[in-house]
């Protein structure tokens, strides 16, 4: 139990939450919680990594000697490090598998890299918005600053898959800019067979690039979540059916007309949101379908 209390004390002294420590250790928050309540004991490699994060020796971590939380003790090199770590783990009542010789790694920063990147992006996006806003208006400047601000918020909020969510955010921001500034959407690809030079082939090229990026994001989303376990329950099937139904409903005709310039922009925004909702529903429904099919396949193999 002393090891559990030590981990909790050192984590608190570092100002880390259980989620922060879990991310630095590349484990789940539940694993950290079990370590601190005595429900589980970290493996030897995890103990070494904990000692490096907290800047203490393995002796102090397992409760063999007392020391200040912030005091750093060097982890020995090579065979000496492996032998000492094995002996200390053995003294704490844990199995000590043979460990290969490893060089000392630096103490990890208490701030995860994604948070640092998120703060930098937020600061840069705010700077872009202020500078462009003073020149051409703050509302148009928000469109140019939106990619940086959105990605910054994503890096601060989401612990996993930040790159994937940033990709979706960048696509939607770029799509909104193309629609408002040039009127280009991926739908222009349906006119490929009747396109002629007077219609500007560059617009068609952008439309195809946008569609390819959209399909790539959809494929990456399905690939990233394909191995997540999905229990075939009534609730699961209801959610899947609702996603496919919403996807179909987005194809219902939406007839809106306006003469005023402001209302026209509002209507264009509504069409844009409907288009985005269609792809979100498709990504959700397709991902759930793949996960459900893989769950049935895994269950069949076990039988």
C-alpha atoms as a PDB file:
ATOM      1  CA  UNK A   1       0.000   0.000   0.000  1.00  0.00           C
ATOM      2  CA  UNK A   2       3.027   2.297   0.562  1.00  0.00           C
ATOM      3  CA  UNK A   3       3.757   2.267  -3.176  1.00  0.00           C
ATOM      4  CA  UNK A   4       0.197   3.407  -3.920  1.00  0.00           C
ATOM      5  CA  UNK A   5       0.451   6.265  -1.417  1.00  0.00           C
ATOM      6  CA  UNK A   6       3.834   7.310  -2.835  1.00  0.00           C
ATOM      7  CA  UNK A   7       2.536   7.484  -6.410  1.00  0.00           C
ATOM      8  CA  UNK A   8      -0.444   9.584  -5.285  1.00  0.00           C
ATOM      9  CA  UNK A   9       1.768  11.888  -3.210  1.00  0.00           C
ATOM     10  CA  UNK A  10       4.349  12.437  -5.957  1.00  0.00           C
ATOM     11  CA  UNK A  11       1.676  13.002  -8.603  1.00  0.00           C
ATOM     12  CA  UNK A  12      -0.014  15.628  -6.432  1.00  0.00           C
ATOM     13  CA  UNK A  13       3.330  17.303  -5.721  1.00  0.00           C
ATOM     14  CA  UNK A  14       3.947  17.574  -9.464  1.00  0.00           C
ATOM     15  CA  UNK A  15       0.515  19.149  -9.980  1.00  0.00           C
ATOM     16  CA  UNK A  16      -0.647  16.379 -12.304  1.00  0.00           C
ATOM     17  CA  UNK A  17      -4.100  14.887 -12.568  1.00  0.00           C
ATOM     18  CA  UNK A  18      -4.602  11.154 -12.999  1.00  0.00           C
ATOM     19  CA  UNK A  19      -5.437  11.789 -16.647  1.00  0.00           C
ATOM     20  CA  UNK A  20      -2.212  13.766 -17.183  1.00  0.00           C
ATOM     21  CA  UNK A  21      -0.096  11.026 -15.629  1.00  0.00           C
ATOM     22  CA  UNK A  22      -1.946   8.367 -17.614  1.00  0.00           C
ATOM     23  CA  UNK A  23      -1.208  10.191 -20.862  1.00  0.00           C
ATOM     24  CA  UNK A  24       2.480  10.543 -20.010  1.00  0.00           C
ATOM     25  CA  UNK A  25       2.649   6.846 -19.064  1.00  0.00           C
ATOM     26  CA  UNK A  26       0.633   5.837 -22.167  1.00  0.00           C
ATOM     27  CA  UNK A  27      -1.901   3.936 -20.065  1.00  0.00           C
ATOM     28  CA  UNK A  28      -5.560   4.484 -19.195  1.00  0.00           C
ATOM     29  CA  UNK A  29      -6.670   6.724 -16.330  1.00  0.00           C
ATOM     30  CA  UNK A  30      -8.246   3.672 -14.696  1.00  0.00           C
ATOM     31  CA  UNK A  31      -4.788   2.048 -14.504  1.00  0.00           C
ATOM     32  CA  UNK A  32      -3.387   5.046 -12.635  1.00  0.00           C
ATOM     33  CA  UNK A  33      -6.379   4.990 -10.303  1.00  0.00           C
ATOM     34  CA  UNK A  34      -5.751   1.300  -9.530  1.00  0.00           C
ATOM     35  CA  UNK A  35      -2.081   2.023  -8.820  1.00  0.00           C
ATOM     36  CA  UNK A  36      -3.030   4.712  -6.302  1.00  0.00           C
ATOM     37  CA  UNK A  37      -5.700   2.634  -4.563  1.00  0.00           C
ATOM     38  CA  UNK A  38      -3.561  -0.506  -4.367  1.00  0.00           C
ATOM     39  CA  UNK A  39      -5.787  -2.432  -6.770  1.00  0.00           C
ATOM     40  CA  UNK A  40      -2.853  -3.095  -9.103  1.00  0.00           C
ATOM     41  CA  UNK A  41       0.944  -2.815  -9.085  1.00  0.00           C
ATOM     42  CA  UNK A  42       2.844  -1.174 -11.979  1.00  0.00           C
ATOM     43  CA  UNK A  43       5.126  -3.408 -13.985  1.00  0.00           C
ATOM     44  CA  UNK A  44       8.875  -2.906 -13.749  1.00  0.00           C
ATOM     45  CA  UNK A  45       9.150  -0.792 -16.900  1.00  0.00           C
ATOM     46  CA  UNK A  46       6.303   1.380 -15.656  1.00  0.00           C
ATOM     47  CA  UNK A  47       8.075   1.823 -12.296  1.00  0.00           C
ATOM     48  CA  UNK A  48      11.224   3.011 -14.066  1.00  0.00           C
ATOM     49  CA  UNK A  49       9.190   5.461 -16.139  1.00  0.00           C
ATOM     50  CA  UNK A  50       7.387   6.719 -13.020  1.00  0.00           C
ATOM     51  CA  UNK A  51      10.696   7.325 -11.290  1.00  0.00           C
ATOM     52  CA  UNK A  52      11.891   9.375 -14.262  1.00  0.00           C
ATOM     53  CA  UNK A  53       8.689  11.429 -14.437  1.00  0.00           C
ATOM     54  CA  UNK A  54       8.721  12.207 -10.707  1.00  0.00           C
ATOM     55  CA  UNK A  55      12.490  12.659 -10.553  1.00  0.00           C
ATOM     56  CA  UNK A  56      13.015  10.196  -7.706  1.00  0.00           C
ATOM     57  CA  UNK A  57      14.871   6.915  -7.249  1.00  0.00           C
ATOM     58  CA  UNK A  58      13.239   3.533  -7.445  1.00  0.00           C
ATOM     59  CA  UNK A  59      14.078   3.118  -3.744  1.00  0.00           C
ATOM     60  CA  UNK A  60      11.949   6.090  -2.809  1.00  0.00           C
ATOM     61  CA  UNK A  61       9.193   5.116  -5.206  1.00  0.00           C
ATOM     62  CA  UNK A  62       8.732   1.675  -3.669  1.00  0.00           C
ATOM     63  CA  UNK A  63       9.108   3.070  -0.134  1.00  0.00           C
ATOM     64  CA  UNK A  64      12.603   1.973   0.863  1.00  0.00           C
ATOM     65  CA  UNK A  65      13.832   5.453   1.686  1.00  0.00           C
ATOM     66  CA  UNK A  66      12.255   8.859   2.207  1.00  0.00           C
ATOM     67  CA  UNK A  67      13.040  11.921   0.166  1.00  0.00           C
ATOM     68  CA  UNK A  68      11.624  15.134  -1.121  1.00  0.00           C
ATOM     69  CA  UNK A  69       9.119  14.802  -4.002  1.00  0.00           C
ATOM     70  CA  UNK A  70      11.048  17.145  -6.243  1.00  0.00           C
ATOM     71  CA  UNK A  71      14.481  15.651  -5.595  1.00  0.00           C
ATOM     72  CA  UNK A  72      15.865  13.812  -8.599  1.00  0.00           C
ATOM     73  CA  UNK A  73      18.000  10.710  -8.319  1.00  0.00           C
ATOM     74  CA  UNK A  74      19.778   9.474 -11.388  1.00  0.00           C
ATOM     75  CA  UNK A  75      18.765   6.073 -12.762  1.00  0.00           C
ATOM     76  CA  UNK A  76      21.932   3.968 -13.322  1.00  0.00           C
ATOM     77  CA  UNK A  77      23.025   2.930 -16.785  1.00  0.00           C
ATOM     78  CA  UNK A  78      23.332  -0.432 -18.482  1.00  0.00           C
ATOM     79  CA  UNK A  79      23.515  -3.677 -16.560  1.00  0.00           C
ATOM     80  CA  UNK A  80      23.758  -1.835 -13.257  1.00  0.00           C
ATOM     81  CA  UNK A  81      20.356  -0.205 -13.910  1.00  0.00           C
ATOM     82  CA  UNK A  82      18.748  -3.528 -14.799  1.00  0.00           C
ATOM     83  CA  UNK A  83      20.206  -5.299 -11.768  1.00  0.00           C
ATOM     84  CA  UNK A  84      19.280  -2.558  -9.341  1.00  0.00           C
ATOM     85  CA  UNK A  85      15.738  -2.235 -10.730  1.00  0.00           C
ATOM     86  CA  UNK A  86      15.241  -6.003 -10.491  1.00  0.00           C
ATOM     87  CA  UNK A  87      16.480  -6.075  -6.893  1.00  0.00           C
ATOM     88  CA  UNK A  88      14.240  -3.197  -5.802  1.00  0.00           C
ATOM     89  CA  UNK A  89      11.187  -4.681  -7.493  1.00  0.00           C
ATOM     90  CA  UNK A  90      11.945  -7.997  -5.822  1.00  0.00           C
ATOM     91  CA  UNK A  91      12.162  -6.264  -2.436  1.00  0.00           C
ATOM     92  CA  UNK A  92       8.734  -4.691  -3.025  1.00  0.00           C
ATOM     93  CA  UNK A  93       7.154  -8.137  -3.572  1.00  0.00           C
ATOM     94  CA  UNK A  94       6.921  -7.997  -7.356  1.00  0.00           C
ATOM     95  CA  UNK A  95       8.153 -10.303 -10.072  1.00  0.00           C
ATOM     96  CA  UNK A  96      11.327  -8.997 -11.672  1.00  0.00           C
ATOM     97  CA  UNK A  97      11.697 -10.144 -15.276  1.00  0.00           C
ATOM     98  CA  UNK A  98      15.033  -9.693 -16.962  1.00  0.00           C
ATOM     99  CA  UNK A  99      15.313  -6.242 -18.508  1.00  0.00           C
ATOM    100  CA  UNK A 100      17.620  -5.258 -21.360  1.00  0.00           C
ATOM    101  CA  UNK A 101      20.208  -2.579 -20.729  1.00  0.00           C
ATOM    102  CA  UNK A 102      18.729   0.835 -21.397  1.00  0.00           C
ATOM    103  CA  UNK A 103      20.225   4.286 -21.378  1.00  0.00           C
ATOM    104  CA  UNK A 104      18.907   6.941 -19.064  1.00  0.00           C
ATOM    105  CA  UNK A 105      15.952   8.895 -20.408  1.00  0.00           C
ATOM    106  CA  UNK A 106      15.289  12.508 -19.432  1.00  0.00           C
ATOM    107  CA  UNK A 107      12.522  13.419 -17.025  1.00  0.00           C
ATOM    108  CA  UNK A 108       9.303  14.012 -18.965  1.00  0.00           C
ATOM    109  CA  UNK A 109       7.626  17.384 -18.871  1.00  0.00           C
ATOM    110  CA  UNK A 110       4.457  17.567 -16.748  1.00  0.00           C
ATOM    111  CA  UNK A 111       2.791  19.318 -19.721  1.00  0.00           C
ATOM    112  CA  UNK A 112       1.788  16.916 -22.513  1.00  0.00           C
ATOM    113  CA  UNK A 113       2.961  17.891 -25.971  1.00  0.00           C
ATOM    114  CA  UNK A 114      -0.596  18.274 -27.262  1.00  0.00           C
ATOM    115  CA  UNK A 115      -1.306  20.978 -24.652  1.00  0.00           C
ATOM    116  CA  UNK A 116       1.792  22.912 -25.600  1.00  0.00           C
ATOM    117  CA  UNK A 117       0.838  22.698 -29.280  1.00  0.00           C
ATOM    118  CA  UNK A 118      -2.737  23.710 -28.426  1.00  0.00           C
ATOM    119  CA  UNK A 119      -1.643  26.823 -26.548  1.00  0.00           C
ATOM    120  CA  UNK A 120       0.728  27.830 -29.362  1.00  0.00           C
ATOM    121  CA  UNK A 121      -2.036  27.418 -31.965  1.00  0.00           C
ATOM    122  CA  UNK A 122      -4.521  29.412 -29.877  1.00  0.00           C
ATOM    123  CA  UNK A 123      -2.045  32.251 -29.388  1.00  0.00           C
ATOM    124  CA  UNK A 124      -1.108  32.303 -33.078  1.00  0.00           C
ATOM    125  CA  UNK A 125      -4.766  32.156 -34.171  1.00  0.00           C
ATOM    126  CA  UNK A 126      -5.665  35.030 -31.853  1.00  0.00           C
ATOM    127  CA  UNK A 127      -2.761  37.072 -33.227  1.00  0.00           C
ATOM    128  CA  UNK A 128      -3.855  36.396 -36.821  1.00  0.00           C
ATOM    129  CA  UNK A 129      -7.437  37.373 -35.965  1.00  0.00           C
ATOM    130  CA  UNK A 130      -6.374  40.649 -34.316  1.00  0.00           C
ATOM    131  CA  UNK A 131      -3.940  41.687 -37.063  1.00  0.00           C
ATOM    132  CA  UNK A 132      -6.255  40.860 -39.969  1.00  0.00           C
ATOM    133  CA  UNK A 133      -9.246  42.241 -38.082  1.00  0.00           C
ATOM    134  CA  UNK A 134      -7.662  45.658 -37.737  1.00  0.00           C
ATOM    135  CA  UNK A 135      -7.004  45.703 -41.490  1.00  0.00           C
ATOM    136  CA  UNK A 136     -10.136  44.219 -43.063  1.00  0.00           C
ATOM    137  CA  UNK A 137     -12.698  43.612 -40.323  1.00  0.00           C
ATOM    138  CA  UNK A 138     -12.858  41.118 -37.491  1.00  0.00           C
ATOM    139  CA  UNK A 139     -15.610  38.935 -38.984  1.00  0.00           C
ATOM    140  CA  UNK A 140     -13.747  38.091 -42.228  1.00  0.00           C
ATOM    141  CA  UNK A 141     -10.546  37.696 -40.216  1.00  0.00           C
ATOM    142  CA  UNK A 142     -12.223  35.003 -38.119  1.00  0.00           C
ATOM    143  CA  UNK A 143     -12.406  32.769 -41.206  1.00  0.00           C
ATOM    144  CA  UNK A 144      -8.620  32.918 -41.643  1.00  0.00           C
ATOM    145  CA  UNK A 145      -7.937  32.433 -37.929  1.00  0.00           C
ATOM    146  CA  UNK A 146     -10.491  29.617 -37.520  1.00  0.00           C
ATOM    147  CA  UNK A 147      -8.133  26.736 -38.525  1.00  0.00           C
ATOM    148  CA  UNK A 148      -5.587  27.695 -35.868  1.00  0.00           C
ATOM    149  CA  UNK A 149      -8.204  28.333 -33.179  1.00  0.00           C
ATOM    150  CA  UNK A 150     -10.115  25.119 -33.883  1.00  0.00           C
ATOM    151  CA  UNK A 151      -6.995  22.957 -33.882  1.00  0.00           C
ATOM    152  CA  UNK A 152      -5.796  24.643 -30.688  1.00  0.00           C
ATOM    153  CA  UNK A 153      -9.067  23.902 -28.912  1.00  0.00           C
ATOM    154  CA  UNK A 154      -9.012  20.297 -30.146  1.00  0.00           C
ATOM    155  CA  UNK A 155      -5.467  19.763 -28.833  1.00  0.00           C
ATOM    156  CA  UNK A 156      -6.493  21.083 -25.418  1.00  0.00           C
ATOM    157  CA  UNK A 157      -9.802  19.197 -25.151  1.00  0.00           C
ATOM    158  CA  UNK A 158      -9.136  15.807 -26.751  1.00  0.00           C
ATOM    159  CA  UNK A 159      -6.576  13.412 -25.317  1.00  0.00           C
ATOM    160  CA  UNK A 160      -6.608  11.005 -28.263  1.00  0.00           C
ATOM    161  CA  UNK A 161      -6.900  11.256 -32.053  1.00  0.00           C
ATOM    162  CA  UNK A 162      -6.074  14.970 -32.072  1.00  0.00           C
ATOM    163  CA  UNK A 163      -4.614  14.700 -35.570  1.00  0.00           C
ATOM    164  CA  UNK A 164      -7.777  13.120 -36.965  1.00  0.00           C
ATOM    165  CA  UNK A 165     -10.108  15.683 -35.395  1.00  0.00           C
ATOM    166  CA  UNK A 166      -7.824  18.519 -36.522  1.00  0.00           C
ATOM    167  CA  UNK A 167      -8.024  17.115 -40.050  1.00  0.00           C
ATOM    168  CA  UNK A 168     -11.832  17.277 -39.968  1.00  0.00           C
ATOM    169  CA  UNK A 169     -11.747  20.792 -38.516  1.00  0.00           C
ATOM    170  CA  UNK A 170      -9.326  21.995 -41.208  1.00  0.00           C
ATOM    171  CA  UNK A 171     -11.474  20.458 -43.926  1.00  0.00           C
ATOM    172  CA  UNK A 172     -14.645  22.169 -42.692  1.00  0.00           C
ATOM    173  CA  UNK A 173     -12.832  25.520 -42.340  1.00  0.00           C
ATOM    174  CA  UNK A 174     -11.362  25.229 -45.845  1.00  0.00           C
ATOM    175  CA  UNK A 175     -14.714  24.132 -47.260  1.00  0.00           C
ATOM    176  CA  UNK A 176     -16.449  27.134 -45.684  1.00  0.00           C
ATOM    177  CA  UNK A 177     -13.852  29.489 -47.139  1.00  0.00           C
ATOM    178  CA  UNK A 178     -14.218  28.023 -50.638  1.00  0.00           C
ATOM    179  CA  UNK A 179     -18.011  28.270 -50.501  1.00  0.00           C
ATOM    180  CA  UNK A 180     -18.065  31.869 -49.285  1.00  0.00           C
ATOM    181  CA  UNK A 181     -15.166  33.221 -51.341  1.00  0.00           C
ATOM    182  CA  UNK A 182     -15.428  31.303 -54.623  1.00  0.00           C
ATOM    183  CA  UNK A 183     -18.648  29.266 -54.567  1.00  0.00           C
ATOM    184  CA  UNK A 184     -16.658  26.040 -55.088  1.00  0.00           C
ATOM    185  CA  UNK A 185     -17.959  22.851 -53.476  1.00  0.00           C
ATOM    186  CA  UNK A 186     -17.188  19.184 -53.991  1.00  0.00           C
ATOM    187  CA  UNK A 187     -20.541  18.883 -55.789  1.00  0.00           C
ATOM    188  CA  UNK A 188     -18.937  20.349 -58.922  1.00  0.00           C
ATOM    189  CA  UNK A 189     -17.447  16.914 -59.624  1.00  0.00           C
ATOM    190  CA  UNK A 190     -20.884  15.784 -60.841  1.00  0.00           C
ATOM    191  CA  UNK A 191     -20.482  18.257 -63.718  1.00  0.00           C
ATOM    192  CA  UNK A 192     -17.156  16.802 -64.875  1.00  0.00           C
ATOM    193  CA  UNK A 193     -18.628  15.212 -68.011  1.00  0.00           C
ATOM    194  CA  UNK A 194     -20.187  18.497 -69.207  1.00  0.00           C
ATOM    195  CA  UNK A 195     -17.407  20.864 -68.076  1.00  0.00           C
ATOM    196  CA  UNK A 196     -15.858  23.117 -70.714  1.00  0.00           C
ATOM    197  CA  UNK A 197     -13.020  25.672 -70.685  1.00  0.00           C
ATOM    198  CA  UNK A 198     -15.424  28.588 -70.197  1.00  0.00           C
ATOM    199  CA  UNK A 199     -16.360  27.153 -66.764  1.00  0.00           C
ATOM    200  CA  UNK A 200     -12.747  27.309 -65.507  1.00  0.00           C
ATOM    201  CA  UNK A 201     -11.079  23.926 -65.060  1.00  0.00           C
ATOM    202  CA  UNK A 202      -9.252  25.218 -61.973  1.00  0.00           C
ATOM    203  CA  UNK A 203     -12.555  25.300 -60.108  1.00  0.00           C
ATOM    204  CA  UNK A 204     -13.193  21.691 -61.083  1.00  0.00           C
ATOM    205  CA  UNK A 205      -9.714  20.712 -59.891  1.00  0.00           C
ATOM    206  CA  UNK A 206     -10.358  22.234 -56.452  1.00  0.00           C
ATOM    207  CA  UNK A 207     -13.678  20.418 -56.263  1.00  0.00           C
ATOM    208  CA  UNK A 208     -12.000  17.075 -56.973  1.00  0.00           C
ATOM    209  CA  UNK A 209      -9.242  17.762 -54.429  1.00  0.00           C
ATOM    210  CA  UNK A 210     -11.859  18.615 -51.825  1.00  0.00           C
ATOM    211  CA  UNK A 211     -13.779  15.405 -52.502  1.00  0.00           C
ATOM    212  CA  UNK A 212     -10.601  13.299 -52.317  1.00  0.00           C
ATOM    213  CA  UNK A 213      -9.662  14.899 -48.974  1.00  0.00           C
ATOM    214  CA  UNK A 214     -13.150  14.186 -47.679  1.00  0.00           C
ATOM    215  CA  UNK A 215     -13.004  10.528 -48.714  1.00  0.00           C
ATOM    216  CA  UNK A 216      -9.531  10.216 -47.165  1.00  0.00           C
ATOM    217  CA  UNK A 217     -10.777  11.594 -43.842  1.00  0.00           C
ATOM    218  CA  UNK A 218     -13.727   9.224 -43.935  1.00  0.00           C
ATOM    219  CA  UNK A 219     -11.429   6.242 -44.585  1.00  0.00           C
ATOM    220  CA  UNK A 220      -9.005   7.293 -41.828  1.00  0.00           C
ATOM    221  CA  UNK A 221     -11.878   7.640 -39.339  1.00  0.00           C
ATOM    222  CA  UNK A 222     -13.161   4.148 -40.110  1.00  0.00           C
ATOM    223  CA  UNK A 223      -9.633   2.710 -39.979  1.00  0.00           C
ATOM    224  CA  UNK A 224      -8.825   4.416 -36.664  1.00  0.00           C
ATOM    225  CA  UNK A 225     -11.898   3.121 -34.823  1.00  0.00           C
ATOM    226  CA  UNK A 226     -12.359  -0.217 -36.583  1.00  0.00           C
ATOM    227  CA  UNK A 227     -10.911  -2.253 -33.692  1.00  0.00           C
ATOM    228  CA  UNK A 228     -13.004  -0.676 -30.935  1.00  0.00           C
ATOM    229  CA  UNK A 229     -15.216  -3.329 -29.390  1.00  0.00           C
ATOM    230  CA  UNK A 230     -18.934  -2.860 -29.983  1.00  0.00           C
ATOM    231  CA  UNK A 231     -21.421  -5.004 -28.093  1.00  0.00           C
ATOM    232  CA  UNK A 232     -24.416  -5.906 -30.323  1.00  0.00           C
ATOM    233  CA  UNK A 233     -27.285  -4.650 -28.162  1.00  0.00           C
ATOM    234  CA  UNK A 234     -30.649  -3.085 -28.874  1.00  0.00           C
ATOM    235  CA  UNK A 235     -29.257   0.328 -28.038  1.00  0.00           C
ATOM    236  CA  UNK A 236     -26.418  -0.191 -30.504  1.00  0.00           C
ATOM    237  CA  UNK A 237     -28.760  -1.122 -33.339  1.00  0.00           C
ATOM    238  CA  UNK A 238     -31.043   1.842 -32.556  1.00  0.00           C
ATOM    239  CA  UNK A 239     -28.107   4.246 -32.696  1.00  0.00           C
ATOM    240  CA  UNK A 240     -26.870   2.742 -35.955  1.00  0.00           C
ATOM    241  CA  UNK A 241     -30.332   2.910 -37.532  1.00  0.00           C
ATOM    242  CA  UNK A 242     -30.731   6.534 -36.407  1.00  0.00           C
ATOM    243  CA  UNK A 243     -27.372   7.478 -37.977  1.00  0.00           C
ATOM    244  CA  UNK A 244     -28.268   5.929 -41.340  1.00  0.00           C
ATOM    245  CA  UNK A 245     -31.744   7.495 -41.185  1.00  0.00           C
ATOM    246  CA  UNK A 246     -30.306  10.958 -40.557  1.00  0.00           C
ATOM    247  CA  UNK A 247     -27.918  10.428 -43.466  1.00  0.00           C
ATOM    248  CA  UNK A 248     -30.825   9.620 -45.775  1.00  0.00           C
ATOM    249  CA  UNK A 249     -32.884  12.563 -44.486  1.00  0.00           C
ATOM    250  CA  UNK A 250     -30.127  15.009 -45.463  1.00  0.00           C
ATOM    251  CA  UNK A 251     -30.949  14.218 -49.100  1.00  0.00           C
ATOM    252  CA  UNK A 252     -34.506  15.486 -48.778  1.00  0.00           C
ATOM    253  CA  UNK A 253     -35.061  18.604 -50.902  1.00  0.00           C
ATOM    254  CA  UNK A 254     -34.565  21.860 -49.034  1.00  0.00           C
ATOM    255  CA  UNK A 255     -36.196  24.734 -50.921  1.00  0.00           C
ATOM    256  CA  UNK A 256     -35.349  28.162 -49.531  1.00  0.00           C
ATOM    257  CA  UNK A 257     -35.478  31.424 -51.451  1.00  0.00           C
ATOM    258  CA  UNK A 258     -34.571  34.980 -50.541  1.00  0.00           C
ATOM    259  CA  UNK A 259     -33.970  38.286 -52.233  1.00  0.00           C
ATOM    260  CA  UNK A 260     -32.055  40.068 -49.500  1.00  0.00           C
ATOM    261  CA  UNK A 261     -28.276  39.621 -49.531  1.00  0.00           C
ATOM    262  CA  UNK A 262     -28.138  38.831 -45.832  1.00  0.00           C
ATOM    263  CA  UNK A 263     -30.802  36.152 -46.107  1.00  0.00           C
ATOM    264  CA  UNK A 264     -29.008  34.615 -49.070  1.00  0.00           C
ATOM    265  CA  UNK A 265     -25.881  34.217 -46.947  1.00  0.00           C
ATOM    266  CA  UNK A 266     -27.949  32.636 -44.181  1.00  0.00           C
ATOM    267  CA  UNK A 267     -29.502  30.187 -46.634  1.00  0.00           C
ATOM    268  CA  UNK A 268     -26.067  29.298 -48.031  1.00  0.00           C
ATOM    269  CA  UNK A 269     -24.883  28.661 -44.482  1.00  0.00           C
ATOM    270  CA  UNK A 270     -27.862  26.343 -43.857  1.00  0.00           C
ATOM    271  CA  UNK A 271     -27.041  24.376 -47.004  1.00  0.00           C
ATOM    272  CA  UNK A 272     -23.427  24.150 -45.860  1.00  0.00           C
ATOM    273  CA  UNK A 273     -24.423  22.856 -42.412  1.00  0.00           C
ATOM    274  CA  UNK A 274     -26.694  20.276 -44.006  1.00  0.00           C
ATOM    275  CA  UNK A 275     -23.842  19.118 -46.219  1.00  0.00           C
ATOM    276  CA  UNK A 276     -21.509  18.833 -43.234  1.00  0.00           C
ATOM    277  CA  UNK A 277     -24.146  16.974 -41.217  1.00  0.00           C
ATOM    278  CA  UNK A 278     -24.503  14.487 -44.063  1.00  0.00           C
ATOM    279  CA  UNK A 279     -20.814  13.594 -43.972  1.00  0.00           C
ATOM    280  CA  UNK A 280     -20.723  13.431 -40.173  1.00  0.00           C
ATOM    281  CA  UNK A 281     -23.683  11.027 -40.195  1.00  0.00           C
ATOM    282  CA  UNK A 282     -22.025   8.953 -42.908  1.00  0.00           C
ATOM    283  CA  UNK A 283     -18.741   8.755 -40.954  1.00  0.00           C
ATOM    284  CA  UNK A 284     -20.557   7.780 -37.759  1.00  0.00           C
ATOM    285  CA  UNK A 285     -22.820   5.214 -39.442  1.00  0.00           C
ATOM    286  CA  UNK A 286     -20.047   3.655 -41.543  1.00  0.00           C
ATOM    287  CA  UNK A 287     -17.674   3.391 -38.567  1.00  0.00           C
ATOM    288  CA  UNK A 288     -20.348   1.786 -36.380  1.00  0.00           C
ATOM    289  CA  UNK A 289     -21.238  -0.635 -39.179  1.00  0.00           C
ATOM    290  CA  UNK A 290     -17.620  -1.740 -39.601  1.00  0.00           C
ATOM    291  CA  UNK A 291     -17.188  -2.167 -35.838  1.00  0.00           C
ATOM    292  CA  UNK A 292     -20.398  -4.185 -35.619  1.00  0.00           C
ATOM    293  CA  UNK A 293     -19.378  -6.458 -38.486  1.00  0.00           C
ATOM    294  CA  UNK A 294     -15.952  -7.020 -36.911  1.00  0.00           C
ATOM    295  CA  UNK A 295     -17.620  -7.842 -33.586  1.00  0.00           C
ATOM    296  CA  UNK A 296     -19.737 -10.504 -35.252  1.00  0.00           C
ATOM    297  CA  UNK A 297     -16.654 -11.829 -37.069  1.00  0.00           C
ATOM    298  CA  UNK A 298     -14.690 -12.068 -33.816  1.00  0.00           C
ATOM    299  CA  UNK A 299     -17.589 -13.816 -32.089  1.00  0.00           C
ATOM    300  CA  UNK A 300     -17.811 -16.298 -34.958  1.00  0.00           C
ATOM    301  CA  UNK A 301     -14.095 -17.108 -34.757  1.00  0.00           C
ATOM    302  CA  UNK A 302     -14.322 -17.764 -31.008  1.00  0.00           C
ATOM    303  CA  UNK A 303     -17.102 -20.272 -31.607  1.00  0.00           C
END
